[in-house]
Every structure is written in C-alpha cells, then in structure tokens.
Amino acid sequence: MEKREKGFIPVMLTPFKDNGEVDYNGLIKLTELYIQAGAAGLFANCLSSEMFELCKDERLKVVDQVVQVANQANIPVVATGTFGGPIEQQADFVKEIYNTGVEAVIGITGLLAEETDNDAVFNDNVERLLSLTEQIPLGFYECPVPYKRLISAEQLGGLIKTGRVTYHKDTCLDIDQVRAKIAATKGYNFGLYDAYMVHAVESLKAGSAGLSCIQGNFYPELVVWLCKNYDNESIKEQVDLVQQFFTNNMDVMHNVYPTIAKYSLQRRGFDISTFTRRDGVGTFNSQIKQGIQDLDNRYAVLKDELELSFTLA
C-alpha cells in the first residue's frame, strides 16, 4: 500500500447466500460499501473472508471480483496467497493470486513453518518463497489460524531490506513490539497495519500506516474517521471517545464472529445473509443479538457526537 495518509484496510467479509454459495453480487456491493466508507485499500481472501472455507477456485474468483471493483476507484487490494503445503506449491498459488491484479500477495506466517519450527526454519522458508515468486510484492499476516506466529522486529527489518516486502498486518497486541517493528522498517516503501483496536491511537501516533481490524466490518466509517483524526488535538476529546468505544466493545464484536458482523451490517440496512461456513464460531442466539442491538444504540449516540452521516443502506 504505497500511500500516503493513514488508512483503513478492511479485512473483508465474504457474503454467502443462505444455501452456502458465495454471493458474488453481494460481494460487489460489499466492496463498494468499504470504498464508500473511505477505505484506503482492501484485504481480500483473509480470515474474516473465511478463506480456509473457500476452495481454490472461489478464492481466485473472490479476489478477482474485488480487484475489478476496486480498480474503478483506484483502490489497491492485497490478498492471501499461501495455504500450506510445500513452499513450491505455495509459490505457485502466490503467482495465481498476483495475476488477479492485486498490489501484493500476503503470506500467512503460521503456514510458512510448523508451530514447532524455530525462526531459522521460518526464515529459510520465506527466503525460498521469495526466490520462487520472482519480483512479486509480498506481505505478511500474523493470522491466529492455524496458530499465531509473530514476526520479530529484527526479522521484519531483514525482510524489508529485500525490497520485496511492502505490507504487514500486525496482530501482536503489544504496542512496544509495534513501535519496534515500525522503527526497524523506517525509510522503506512499507506499511504496517495494526489489527488491535485497544491501542489504535497509540499505534497510529507511533507511525503505523493504518488499521486493519474486524471492527471495520461493523462501523467502517468510524475506523476511517479515527485514521483521519487520531492526532487532531482540537478534537482530542472526541478521539478519546472513539478509542474508548472500541476498547469497551472488543468482546461483543469478537463474539460469534463473523456472523455477528454480518448481522450488524444487516441491522444497519445492508443486504447480507448471516450465513457462515465456519464451524465453531458459537451460538447465534437472542442474547448475542441483543448485545449487538445494544452496541448499535451506543454507536448511534457516538455517531451523533461526531456528526457522522454515513449510511449503509
């Protein structure tokens, strides 16, 4: 993401029909929604997209469709291209994803080495992936599935120096580590996008390129607002309110996800099914629904305070 100002990069949902098929028409509308909300770029085919529940052809078709819509608005797209197996196999799919027109292909750190492998094995595998993917720009995502492998500041600094790594979605949840990673990559064509909204303002002030969080699948316009105003001292009280809103409501937005995010969008007037292919997300019951209804009520108060007029319908 070569840009510019701080930006929000949505971890995109995948809309499904009630029968479980990918809703490609709904995907077009959802892509447009993120863009209209002010997204600086898009992260397609990620965990929120239920990437592990999509087949290979669906992954490619989903990314291709997102790129087609995003190109009309000159919005860059990144997408996951590594799904385990031999590095040679992963490199082949990286090339296929890149051919859809994405700006960079994202590697899942937990699929580039086994959980029992040390950093040397991970580093060797990444070096092999780089050598097999020509000059394709790459990024990394510390995805919690199948397990979370964090990249140290030292490792990230070394990767940046190859000239091939331009993007990192950080999930370390530690602002000190975020600061160290930003310091290790300063001066390069690279962006660190933080997933953890509890320290969103601190991360932006530390020099992160922006935010890439699941909260943007509930209130994308609010994440965009924070990226634009995090250092505006004239409205510091409002910035603090937004930061506190995200901090206070972490649990409700993570509970029964991504179903709950689709339900939230539904409540706000967007036509999307709550269907998910993912197993084990929890029970979507009346108590969960009430939680999101209460959240929407709290957001309505905050939205009025900020004078936000964005609507999804």
C-alpha atoms as a PDB file:
ATOM      1  CA  MET A   1       0.000   0.000   0.000  1.00  0.00           C
ATOM      2  CA  GLU A   2       2.148   2.798  -1.329  1.00  0.00           C
ATOM      3  CA  LYS A   3       0.010   5.554   0.144  1.00  0.00           C
ATOM      4  CA  ARG A   4       0.305   8.378   1.740  1.00  0.00           C
ATOM      5  CA  GLU A   5      -2.004   9.203   4.658  1.00  0.00           C
ATOM      6  CA  LYS A   6      -3.040   6.838   7.428  1.00  0.00           C
ATOM      7  CA  GLY A   7      -5.605   4.431   6.079  1.00  0.00           C
ATOM      8  CA  PHE A   8      -8.141   1.786   6.976  1.00  0.00           C
ATOM      9  CA  ILE A   9      -7.673  -1.569   5.212  1.00  0.00           C
ATOM     10  CA  PRO A  10     -10.787  -3.712   5.794  1.00  0.00           C
ATOM     11  CA  VAL A  11     -10.366  -7.418   6.404  1.00  0.00           C
ATOM     12  CA  MET A  12     -13.169  -8.213   4.027  1.00  0.00           C
ATOM     13  CA  LEU A  13     -16.116 -10.448   4.796  1.00  0.00           C
ATOM     14  CA  THR A  14     -17.369 -12.906   2.187  1.00  0.00           C
ATOM     15  CA  PRO A  15     -21.138 -12.707   1.651  1.00  0.00           C
ATOM     16  CA  PHE A  16     -22.842 -16.054   1.197  1.00  0.00           C
ATOM     17  CA  LYS A  17     -26.319 -16.944   0.053  1.00  0.00           C
ATOM     18  CA  ASP A  18     -28.489 -18.766   2.564  1.00  0.00           C
ATOM     19  CA  ASN A  19     -27.723 -22.016   0.732  1.00  0.00           C
ATOM     20  CA  GLY A  20     -23.984 -21.554   1.388  1.00  0.00           C
ATOM     21  CA  GLU A  21     -22.914 -20.432  -2.095  1.00  0.00           C
ATOM     22  CA  VAL A  22     -20.713 -17.355  -2.423  1.00  0.00           C
ATOM     23  CA  ASP A  23     -22.909 -14.322  -3.118  1.00  0.00           C
ATOM     24  CA  TYR A  24     -20.830 -12.668  -5.824  1.00  0.00           C
ATOM     25  CA  ASN A  25     -23.371  -9.896  -6.447  1.00  0.00           C
ATOM     26  CA  GLY A  26     -23.344  -9.221  -2.721  1.00  0.00           C
ATOM     27  CA  LEU A  27     -19.544  -9.152  -2.817  1.00  0.00           C
ATOM     28  CA  ILE A  28     -19.639  -6.374  -5.404  1.00  0.00           C
ATOM     29  CA  LYS A  29     -21.936  -4.320  -3.182  1.00  0.00           C
ATOM     30  CA  LEU A  30     -19.848  -5.033  -0.083  1.00  0.00           C
ATOM     31  CA  THR A  31     -16.663  -3.949  -1.860  1.00  0.00           C
ATOM     32  CA  GLU A  32     -18.394  -0.737  -2.886  1.00  0.00           C
ATOM     33  CA  LEU A  33     -19.542  -0.209   0.706  1.00  0.00           C
ATOM     34  CA  TYR A  34     -15.981  -0.359   2.071  1.00  0.00           C
ATOM     35  CA  ILE A  35     -14.812   2.064  -0.613  1.00  0.00           C
ATOM     36  CA  GLN A  36     -17.693   4.472   0.001  1.00  0.00           C
ATOM     37  CA  ALA A  37     -16.885   4.400   3.724  1.00  0.00           C
ATOM     38  CA  GLY A  38     -13.394   5.690   2.880  1.00  0.00           C
ATOM     39  CA  ALA A  39     -11.197   2.577   2.889  1.00  0.00           C
ATOM     40  CA  ALA A  40      -7.665   3.250   1.651  1.00  0.00           C
ATOM     41  CA  GLY A  41      -7.294  -0.313   0.390  1.00  0.00           C
ATOM     42  CA  LEU A  42      -8.819  -3.771   0.769  1.00  0.00           C
ATOM     43  CA  PHE A  43      -7.593  -7.052   2.229  1.00  0.00           C
ATOM     44  CA  ALA A  44      -9.467  -9.789   0.364  1.00  0.00           C
ATOM     45  CA  ASN A  45      -9.296 -13.536   0.948  1.00  0.00           C
ATOM     46  CA  CYS A  46      -8.319 -13.191   4.620  1.00  0.00           C
ATOM     47  CA  LEU A  47      -9.523 -14.906   7.787  1.00  0.00           C
ATOM     48  CA  SER A  48     -12.609 -12.682   8.013  1.00  0.00           C
ATOM     49  CA  SER A  49     -13.315 -13.706   4.413  1.00  0.00           C
ATOM     50  CA  GLU A  50     -13.478 -17.335   5.605  1.00  0.00           C
ATOM     51  CA  MET A  51     -10.529 -18.063   3.331  1.00  0.00           C
ATOM     52  CA  PHE A  52      -9.979 -21.542   4.760  1.00  0.00           C
ATOM     53  CA  GLU A  53     -13.590 -22.434   3.962  1.00  0.00           C
ATOM     54  CA  LEU A  54     -13.279 -21.350   0.316  1.00  0.00           C
ATOM     55  CA  CYS A  55     -11.991 -23.692  -2.359  1.00  0.00           C
ATOM     56  CA  LYS A  56      -9.121 -22.640  -4.602  1.00  0.00           C
ATOM     57  CA  ASP A  57     -11.362 -21.512  -7.462  1.00  0.00           C
ATOM     58  CA  GLU A  58     -13.556 -19.499  -5.083  1.00  0.00           C
ATOM     59  CA  ARG A  59     -10.518 -17.774  -3.613  1.00  0.00           C
ATOM     60  CA  LEU A  60      -9.368 -16.722  -7.047  1.00  0.00           C
ATOM     61  CA  LYS A  61     -12.828 -15.637  -8.174  1.00  0.00           C
ATOM     62  CA  VAL A  62     -13.459 -13.655  -4.986  1.00  0.00           C
ATOM     63  CA  VAL A  63     -10.151 -11.805  -5.271  1.00  0.00           C
ATOM     64  CA  ASP A  64     -10.633 -11.180  -8.989  1.00  0.00           C
ATOM     65  CA  GLN A  65     -14.054  -9.649  -8.395  1.00  0.00           C
ATOM     66  CA  VAL A  66     -12.815  -7.428  -5.564  1.00  0.00           C
ATOM     67  CA  VAL A  67      -9.942  -6.204  -7.759  1.00  0.00           C
ATOM     68  CA  GLN A  68     -12.291  -5.381 -10.625  1.00  0.00           C
ATOM     69  CA  VAL A  69     -14.485  -3.214  -8.389  1.00  0.00           C
ATOM     70  CA  ALA A  70     -11.548  -1.623  -6.567  1.00  0.00           C
ATOM     71  CA  ASN A  71      -9.790  -0.729  -9.823  1.00  0.00           C
ATOM     72  CA  GLN A  72     -12.708   1.515 -10.758  1.00  0.00           C
ATOM     73  CA  ALA A  73     -11.992   3.586  -7.637  1.00  0.00           C
ATOM     74  CA  ASN A  74      -8.189   3.288  -7.886  1.00  0.00           C
ATOM     75  CA  ILE A  75      -8.107   1.420  -4.575  1.00  0.00           C
ATOM     76  CA  PRO A  76      -5.294  -1.140  -4.032  1.00  0.00           C
ATOM     77  CA  VAL A  77      -6.043  -4.698  -2.966  1.00  0.00           C
ATOM     78  CA  VAL A  78      -3.940  -7.270  -1.125  1.00  0.00           C
ATOM     79  CA  ALA A  79      -4.948 -10.916  -0.747  1.00  0.00           C
ATOM     80  CA  THR A  80      -3.699 -14.100   0.882  1.00  0.00           C
ATOM     81  CA  GLY A  81      -1.768 -16.462  -1.350  1.00  0.00           C
ATOM     82  CA  THR A  82      -0.268 -19.111   0.948  1.00  0.00           C
ATOM     83  CA  PHE A  83      -2.318 -22.034   2.214  1.00  0.00           C
ATOM     84  CA  GLY A  84       0.203 -24.579   3.405  1.00  0.00           C
ATOM     85  CA  GLY A  85       1.962 -27.492   1.797  1.00  0.00           C
ATOM     86  CA  PRO A  86       5.396 -27.426   0.137  1.00  0.00           C
ATOM     87  CA  ILE A  87       6.832 -23.948  -0.406  1.00  0.00           C
ATOM     88  CA  GLU A  88       6.878 -24.634  -4.162  1.00  0.00           C
ATOM     89  CA  GLN A  89       3.118 -25.222  -4.072  1.00  0.00           C
ATOM     90  CA  GLN A  90       2.550 -22.068  -2.049  1.00  0.00           C
ATOM     91  CA  ALA A  91       4.686 -20.088  -4.507  1.00  0.00           C
ATOM     92  CA  ASP A  92       2.556 -21.307  -7.404  1.00  0.00           C
ATOM     93  CA  PHE A  93      -0.621 -20.026  -5.776  1.00  0.00           C
ATOM     94  CA  VAL A  94       1.051 -16.730  -4.909  1.00  0.00           C
ATOM     95  CA  LYS A  95       1.546 -16.264  -8.646  1.00  0.00           C
ATOM     96  CA  GLU A  96      -2.074 -17.114  -9.383  1.00  0.00           C
ATOM     97  CA  ILE A  97      -3.340 -14.606  -6.814  1.00  0.00           C
ATOM     98  CA  TYR A  98      -0.955 -11.937  -8.113  1.00  0.00           C
ATOM     99  CA  ASN A  99      -2.275 -12.451 -11.632  1.00  0.00           C
ATOM    100  CA  THR A 100      -5.706 -11.237 -10.480  1.00  0.00           C
ATOM    101  CA  GLY A 101      -4.183  -7.754 -10.232  1.00  0.00           C
ATOM    102  CA  VAL A 102      -3.537  -7.354  -6.509  1.00  0.00           C
ATOM    103  CA  GLU A 103      -0.854  -4.943  -5.325  1.00  0.00           C
ATOM    104  CA  ALA A 104       0.766  -7.509  -3.025  1.00  0.00           C
ATOM    105  CA  VAL A 105       0.219 -11.118  -2.033  1.00  0.00           C
ATOM    106  CA  ILE A 106       0.009 -11.909   1.679  1.00  0.00           C
ATOM    107  CA  GLY A 107       1.755 -14.834   3.331  1.00  0.00           C
ATOM    108  CA  ILE A 108       0.271 -16.396   6.454  1.00  0.00           C
ATOM    109  CA  THR A 109       3.109 -16.652   8.964  1.00  0.00           C
ATOM    110  CA  GLY A 110       1.632 -19.763  10.587  1.00  0.00           C
ATOM    111  CA  LEU A 111       1.619 -21.606   7.256  1.00  0.00           C
ATOM    112  CA  LEU A 112       5.232 -20.882   6.329  1.00  0.00           C
ATOM    113  CA  ALA A 113       6.608 -23.051   9.136  1.00  0.00           C
ATOM    114  CA  GLU A 114       5.285 -25.566  11.622  1.00  0.00           C
ATOM    115  CA  GLU A 115       4.474 -24.400  15.143  1.00  0.00           C
ATOM    116  CA  THR A 116       7.389 -26.464  16.452  1.00  0.00           C
ATOM    117  CA  ASP A 117       9.844 -24.951  13.939  1.00  0.00           C
ATOM    118  CA  ASN A 118      12.256 -22.284  15.119  1.00  0.00           C
ATOM    119  CA  ASP A 119      12.735 -18.880  13.493  1.00  0.00           C
ATOM    120  CA  ALA A 120      15.594 -20.168  11.360  1.00  0.00           C
ATOM    121  CA  VAL A 121      13.254 -22.602   9.607  1.00  0.00           C
ATOM    122  CA  PHE A 122      10.680 -19.850   9.061  1.00  0.00           C
ATOM    123  CA  ASN A 123      13.336 -17.506   7.696  1.00  0.00           C
ATOM    124  CA  ASP A 124      14.644 -20.177   5.310  1.00  0.00           C
ATOM    125  CA  ASN A 125      11.134 -20.912   4.051  1.00  0.00           C
ATOM    126  CA  VAL A 126      10.411 -17.229   3.479  1.00  0.00           C
ATOM    127  CA  GLU A 127      13.694 -16.862   1.594  1.00  0.00           C
ATOM    128  CA  ARG A 128      12.687 -19.835  -0.554  1.00  0.00           C
ATOM    129  CA  LEU A 129       9.261 -18.317  -1.197  1.00  0.00           C
ATOM    130  CA  LEU A 130      10.853 -15.032  -2.237  1.00  0.00           C
ATOM    131  CA  SER A 131      13.183 -16.794  -4.649  1.00  0.00           C
ATOM    132  CA  LEU A 132      10.322 -18.736  -6.256  1.00  0.00           C
ATOM    133  CA  THR A 133       7.967 -15.808  -6.740  1.00  0.00           C
ATOM    134  CA  GLU A 134      10.144 -13.624  -8.963  1.00  0.00           C
ATOM    135  CA  GLN A 135       9.567  -9.951  -8.143  1.00  0.00           C
ATOM    136  CA  ILE A 136       6.029 -10.231  -6.790  1.00  0.00           C
ATOM    137  CA  PRO A 137       5.483  -7.812  -3.865  1.00  0.00           C
ATOM    138  CA  LEU A 138       4.684  -9.736  -0.701  1.00  0.00           C
ATOM    139  CA  GLY A 139       3.269  -9.017   2.710  1.00  0.00           C
ATOM    140  CA  PHE A 140       2.761 -10.980   5.903  1.00  0.00           C
ATOM    141  CA  TYR A 141      -0.179 -11.567   8.208  1.00  0.00           C
ATOM    142  CA  GLU A 142       0.194 -12.896  11.748  1.00  0.00           C
ATOM    143  CA  CYS A 143      -3.032 -14.850  11.398  1.00  0.00           C
ATOM    144  CA  PRO A 144      -4.208 -16.672  14.542  1.00  0.00           C
ATOM    145  CA  VAL A 145      -5.108 -19.738  12.441  1.00  0.00           C
ATOM    146  CA  PRO A 146      -3.746 -22.433  12.318  1.00  0.00           C
ATOM    147  CA  TYR A 147      -1.572 -20.885  15.050  1.00  0.00           C
ATOM    148  CA  LYS A 148      -0.200 -17.405  15.590  1.00  0.00           C
ATOM    149  CA  ARG A 149       3.447 -16.975  14.611  1.00  0.00           C
ATOM    150  CA  LEU A 150       4.685 -13.482  15.355  1.00  0.00           C
ATOM    151  CA  ILE A 151       7.463 -11.859  13.356  1.00  0.00           C
ATOM    152  CA  SER A 152      10.026 -10.038  15.475  1.00  0.00           C
ATOM    153  CA  ALA A 153      11.168  -6.514  14.699  1.00  0.00           C
ATOM    154  CA  GLU A 154      14.548  -7.891  13.702  1.00  0.00           C
ATOM    155  CA  GLN A 155      13.013 -10.413  11.315  1.00  0.00           C
ATOM    156  CA  LEU A 156      10.714  -7.829   9.770  1.00  0.00           C
ATOM    157  CA  GLY A 157      13.568  -5.387   9.323  1.00  0.00           C
ATOM    158  CA  GLY A 158      15.549  -8.047   7.481  1.00  0.00           C
ATOM    159  CA  LEU A 159      12.602  -8.887   5.221  1.00  0.00           C
ATOM    160  CA  ILE A 160      12.061  -5.246   4.301  1.00  0.00           C
ATOM    161  CA  LYS A 161      15.655  -4.931   3.159  1.00  0.00           C
ATOM    162  CA  THR A 162      14.987  -7.489   0.395  1.00  0.00           C
ATOM    163  CA  GLY A 163      12.879  -4.841  -1.348  1.00  0.00           C
ATOM    164  CA  ARG A 164      10.104  -7.389  -1.804  1.00  0.00           C
ATOM    165  CA  VAL A 165       8.033  -6.967   1.359  1.00  0.00           C
ATOM    166  CA  THR A 166       5.715  -3.975   1.349  1.00  0.00           C
ATOM    167  CA  TYR A 167       2.901  -4.853   3.767  1.00  0.00           C
ATOM    168  CA  HIS A 168       2.417  -6.307   7.233  1.00  0.00           C
ATOM    169  CA  LYS A 169      -0.805  -6.932   9.156  1.00  0.00           C
ATOM    170  CA  ASP A 170       0.241  -6.962  12.785  1.00  0.00           C
ATOM    171  CA  THR A 171      -1.588  -8.927  15.487  1.00  0.00           C
ATOM    172  CA  CYS A 172       0.993  -8.967  18.291  1.00  0.00           C
ATOM    173  CA  LEU A 173      -1.327  -6.933  20.593  1.00  0.00           C
ATOM    174  CA  ASP A 174       1.747  -5.263  22.120  1.00  0.00           C
ATOM    175  CA  ILE A 175       2.325  -1.581  21.418  1.00  0.00           C
ATOM    176  CA  ASP A 176       6.004  -1.832  22.349  1.00  0.00           C
ATOM    177  CA  GLN A 177       6.518  -4.535  19.726  1.00  0.00           C
ATOM    178  CA  VAL A 178       4.606  -2.448  17.206  1.00  0.00           C
ATOM    179  CA  ARG A 179       6.881   0.520  17.889  1.00  0.00           C
ATOM    180  CA  ALA A 180       9.959  -1.698  17.485  1.00  0.00           C
ATOM    181  CA  LYS A 181       8.702  -3.037  14.148  1.00  0.00           C
ATOM    182  CA  ILE A 182       7.984   0.458  12.876  1.00  0.00           C
ATOM    183  CA  ALA A 183      11.463   1.597  13.893  1.00  0.00           C
ATOM    184  CA  ALA A 184      13.052  -1.412  12.167  1.00  0.00           C
ATOM    185  CA  THR A 185      11.281  -0.649   8.877  1.00  0.00           C
ATOM    186  CA  LYS A 186      11.584   3.128   8.780  1.00  0.00           C
ATOM    187  CA  GLY A 187      12.620   4.608   5.466  1.00  0.00           C
ATOM    188  CA  TYR A 188      11.321   1.814   3.265  1.00  0.00           C
ATOM    189  CA  ASN A 189       8.312   1.542   0.941  1.00  0.00           C
ATOM    190  CA  PHE A 190       6.384  -0.422   3.524  1.00  0.00           C
ATOM    191  CA  GLY A 191       3.292  -0.191   5.679  1.00  0.00           C
ATOM    192  CA  LEU A 192       2.435  -1.821   8.992  1.00  0.00           C
ATOM    193  CA  TYR A 193      -1.314  -2.064   9.545  1.00  0.00           C
ATOM    194  CA  ASP A 194      -2.387  -2.802  13.104  1.00  0.00           C
ATOM    195  CA  ALA A 195      -5.281  -5.131  13.913  1.00  0.00           C
ATOM    196  CA  TYR A 196      -5.580  -4.340  17.625  1.00  0.00           C
ATOM    197  CA  MET A 197      -8.011  -1.514  18.296  1.00  0.00           C
ATOM    198  CA  VAL A 198      -7.233  -1.220  22.011  1.00  0.00           C
ATOM    199  CA  HIS A 199      -4.071   0.702  21.130  1.00  0.00           C
ATOM    200  CA  ALA A 200      -5.241   2.097  17.774  1.00  0.00           C
ATOM    201  CA  VAL A 201      -4.423   5.749  18.519  1.00  0.00           C
ATOM    202  CA  GLU A 202      -1.057   4.872  20.053  1.00  0.00           C
ATOM    203  CA  SER A 203      -0.185   2.749  17.029  1.00  0.00           C
ATOM    204  CA  LEU A 204      -1.117   5.470  14.550  1.00  0.00           C
ATOM    205  CA  LYS A 205       0.908   8.022  16.504  1.00  0.00           C
ATOM    206  CA  ALA A 206       3.855   5.610  16.584  1.00  0.00           C
ATOM    207  CA  GLY A 207       3.944   5.527  12.803  1.00  0.00           C
ATOM    208  CA  SER A 208       1.788   2.618  11.668  1.00  0.00           C
ATOM    209  CA  ALA A 209       0.409   3.058   8.149  1.00  0.00           C
ATOM    210  CA  GLY A 210      -3.110   2.463   9.356  1.00  0.00           C
ATOM    211  CA  LEU A 211      -5.571  -0.006  10.816  1.00  0.00           C
ATOM    212  CA  SER A 212      -6.801  -3.380   9.573  1.00  0.00           C
ATOM    213  CA  CYS A 213      -9.318  -4.628  12.097  1.00  0.00           C
ATOM    214  CA  ILE A 214     -12.534  -6.624  12.336  1.00  0.00           C
ATOM    215  CA  GLN A 215     -14.268  -3.602  13.903  1.00  0.00           C
ATOM    216  CA  GLY A 216     -14.372  -2.127  10.404  1.00  0.00           C
ATOM    217  CA  ASN A 217     -16.882  -4.822   9.485  1.00  0.00           C
ATOM    218  CA  PHE A 218     -19.320  -3.197  11.904  1.00  0.00           C
ATOM    219  CA  TYR A 219     -18.589   0.534  11.566  1.00  0.00           C
ATOM    220  CA  PRO A 220     -16.113   1.103   8.709  1.00  0.00           C
ATOM    221  CA  GLU A 221     -16.730   4.828   8.650  1.00  0.00           C
ATOM    222  CA  LEU A 222     -15.709   5.108  12.311  1.00  0.00           C
ATOM    223  CA  VAL A 223     -12.343   3.421  11.722  1.00  0.00           C
ATOM    224  CA  VAL A 224     -11.789   5.762   8.762  1.00  0.00           C
ATOM    225  CA  TRP A 225     -12.652   8.743  10.984  1.00  0.00           C
ATOM    226  CA  LEU A 226     -10.092   7.628  13.562  1.00  0.00           C
ATOM    227  CA  CYS A 227      -7.365   7.236  10.922  1.00  0.00           C
ATOM    228  CA  LYS A 228      -8.028  10.795   9.792  1.00  0.00           C
ATOM    229  CA  ASN A 229      -8.348  12.430  13.188  1.00  0.00           C
ATOM    230  CA  TYR A 230      -6.164  10.445  15.630  1.00  0.00           C
ATOM    231  CA  ASP A 231      -3.698  13.351  16.023  1.00  0.00           C
ATOM    232  CA  ASN A 232      -6.139  16.251  15.768  1.00  0.00           C
ATOM    233  CA  GLU A 233      -5.609  17.989  19.088  1.00  0.00           C
ATOM    234  CA  SER A 234      -8.591  20.307  18.524  1.00  0.00           C
ATOM    235  CA  ILE A 235     -10.952  17.303  18.843  1.00  0.00           C
ATOM    236  CA  LYS A 236      -8.892  15.201  21.260  1.00  0.00           C
ATOM    237  CA  GLU A 237     -11.907  14.593  23.488  1.00  0.00           C
ATOM    238  CA  GLN A 238     -13.813  13.051  20.591  1.00  0.00           C
ATOM    239  CA  VAL A 239     -10.799  10.976  19.547  1.00  0.00           C
ATOM    240  CA  ASP A 240     -10.599   9.671  23.111  1.00  0.00           C
ATOM    241  CA  LEU A 241     -14.300   8.776  22.984  1.00  0.00           C
ATOM    242  CA  VAL A 242     -13.816   6.773  19.795  1.00  0.00           C
ATOM    243  CA  GLN A 243     -10.785   4.967  21.186  1.00  0.00           C
ATOM    244  CA  GLN A 244     -12.704   4.138  24.351  1.00  0.00           C
ATOM    245  CA  PHE A 245     -15.704   2.938  22.327  1.00  0.00           C
ATOM    246  CA  PHE A 246     -13.545   0.401  20.523  1.00  0.00           C
ATOM    247  CA  THR A 247     -11.787  -0.652  23.733  1.00  0.00           C
ATOM    248  CA  ASN A 248     -15.013  -1.094  25.679  1.00  0.00           C
ATOM    249  CA  ASN A 249     -16.724  -3.126  22.964  1.00  0.00           C
ATOM    250  CA  MET A 250     -13.981  -5.570  21.971  1.00  0.00           C
ATOM    251  CA  ASP A 251     -15.791  -8.602  23.380  1.00  0.00           C
ATOM    252  CA  VAL A 252     -19.155  -8.055  21.729  1.00  0.00           C
ATOM    253  CA  MET A 253     -17.542  -7.566  18.309  1.00  0.00           C
ATOM    254  CA  HIS A 254     -15.471 -10.744  18.620  1.00  0.00           C
ATOM    255  CA  ASN A 255     -18.277 -12.949  19.915  1.00  0.00           C
ATOM    256  CA  VAL A 256     -19.751 -15.314  17.270  1.00  0.00           C
ATOM    257  CA  TYR A 257     -17.686 -13.622  14.565  1.00  0.00           C
ATOM    258  CA  PRO A 258     -18.120 -13.262  11.564  1.00  0.00           C
ATOM    259  CA  THR A 259     -21.853 -13.989  11.944  1.00  0.00           C
ATOM    260  CA  ILE A 260     -22.239 -11.073  14.333  1.00  0.00           C
ATOM    261  CA  ALA A 261     -20.591  -8.642  11.891  1.00  0.00           C
ATOM    262  CA  LYS A 262     -22.946  -9.689   9.112  1.00  0.00           C
ATOM    263  CA  TYR A 263     -25.879  -9.276  11.493  1.00  0.00           C
ATOM    264  CA  SER A 264     -24.663  -5.790  12.396  1.00  0.00           C
ATOM    265  CA  LEU A 265     -24.469  -4.812   8.734  1.00  0.00           C
ATOM    266  CA  GLN A 266     -27.930  -6.286   8.233  1.00  0.00           C
ATOM    267  CA  ARG A 267     -29.316  -4.172  11.080  1.00  0.00           C
ATOM    268  CA  ARG A 268     -27.808  -1.080   9.511  1.00  0.00           C
ATOM    269  CA  GLY A 269     -29.668  -1.721   6.270  1.00  0.00           C
ATOM    270  CA  PHE A 270     -27.132  -3.661   4.197  1.00  0.00           C
ATOM    271  CA  ASP A 271     -28.450  -6.691   2.336  1.00  0.00           C
ATOM    272  CA  ILE A 272     -26.286  -9.589   3.538  1.00  0.00           C
ATOM    273  CA  SER A 273     -27.055 -13.054   4.893  1.00  0.00           C
ATOM    274  CA  THR A 274     -25.654 -14.048   8.281  1.00  0.00           C
ATOM    275  CA  PHE A 275     -24.636 -17.427   6.835  1.00  0.00           C
ATOM    276  CA  THR A 276     -21.108 -18.561   7.642  1.00  0.00           C
ATOM    277  CA  ARG A 277     -19.244 -21.683   6.526  1.00  0.00           C
ATOM    278  CA  ARG A 278     -17.019 -21.558   9.575  1.00  0.00           C
ATOM    279  CA  ASP A 279     -17.574 -24.152  12.295  1.00  0.00           C
ATOM    280  CA  GLY A 280     -17.294 -23.468  15.980  1.00  0.00           C
ATOM    281  CA  VAL A 281     -17.940 -19.718  15.988  1.00  0.00           C
ATOM    282  CA  GLY A 282     -20.510 -20.036  18.772  1.00  0.00           C
ATOM    283  CA  THR A 283     -24.282 -19.952  19.029  1.00  0.00           C
ATOM    284  CA  PHE A 284     -26.007 -17.039  17.364  1.00  0.00           C
ATOM    285  CA  ASN A 285     -28.865 -16.671  19.852  1.00  0.00           C
ATOM    286  CA  SER A 286     -31.143 -13.953  21.183  1.00  0.00           C
ATOM    287  CA  GLN A 287     -28.589 -12.904  23.799  1.00  0.00           C
ATOM    288  CA  ILE A 288     -25.940 -12.345  21.112  1.00  0.00           C
ATOM    289  CA  LYS A 289     -28.427 -10.410  19.012  1.00  0.00           C
ATOM    290  CA  GLN A 290     -29.334  -8.234  21.991  1.00  0.00           C
ATOM    291  CA  GLY A 291     -25.659  -7.493  22.532  1.00  0.00           C
ATOM    292  CA  ILE A 292     -25.273  -6.101  19.029  1.00  0.00           C
ATOM    293  CA  GLN A 293     -28.521  -4.159  19.331  1.00  0.00           C
ATOM    294  CA  ASP A 294     -27.188  -2.525  22.493  1.00  0.00           C
ATOM    295  CA  LEU A 295     -23.907  -1.853  20.709  1.00  0.00           C
ATOM    296  CA  ASP A 296     -25.731  -0.173  17.840  1.00  0.00           C
ATOM    297  CA  ASN A 297     -27.541   2.047  20.325  1.00  0.00           C
ATOM    298  CA  ARG A 298     -24.227   3.098  21.875  1.00  0.00           C
ATOM    299  CA  TYR A 299     -22.831   3.758  18.420  1.00  0.00           C
ATOM    300  CA  ALA A 300     -25.827   5.916  17.485  1.00  0.00           C
ATOM    301  CA  VAL A 301     -25.003   8.226  20.405  1.00  0.00           C
ATOM    302  CA  LEU A 302     -21.330   8.384  19.409  1.00  0.00           C
ATOM    303  CA  LYS A 303     -22.209   8.938  15.759  1.00  0.00           C
ATOM    304  CA  ASP A 304     -24.325  11.957  16.683  1.00  0.00           C
ATOM    305  CA  GLU A 305     -21.481  13.317  18.832  1.00  0.00           C
ATOM    306  CA  LEU A 306     -19.100  13.069  15.853  1.00  0.00           C
ATOM    307  CA  GLU A 307     -21.726  14.272  13.357  1.00  0.00           C
ATOM    308  CA  LEU A 308     -21.101  11.258  11.126  1.00  0.00           C
ATOM    309  CA  SER A 309     -23.715  10.967   8.389  1.00  0.00           C
ATOM    310  CA  PHE A 310     -22.565   7.816   6.573  1.00  0.00           C
ATOM    311  CA  THR A 311     -25.304   5.216   5.956  1.00  0.00           C
ATOM    312  CA  LEU A 312     -25.010   1.694   4.581  1.00  0.00           C
ATOM    313  CA  ALA A 313     -28.456   1.355   3.012  1.00  0.00           C
END
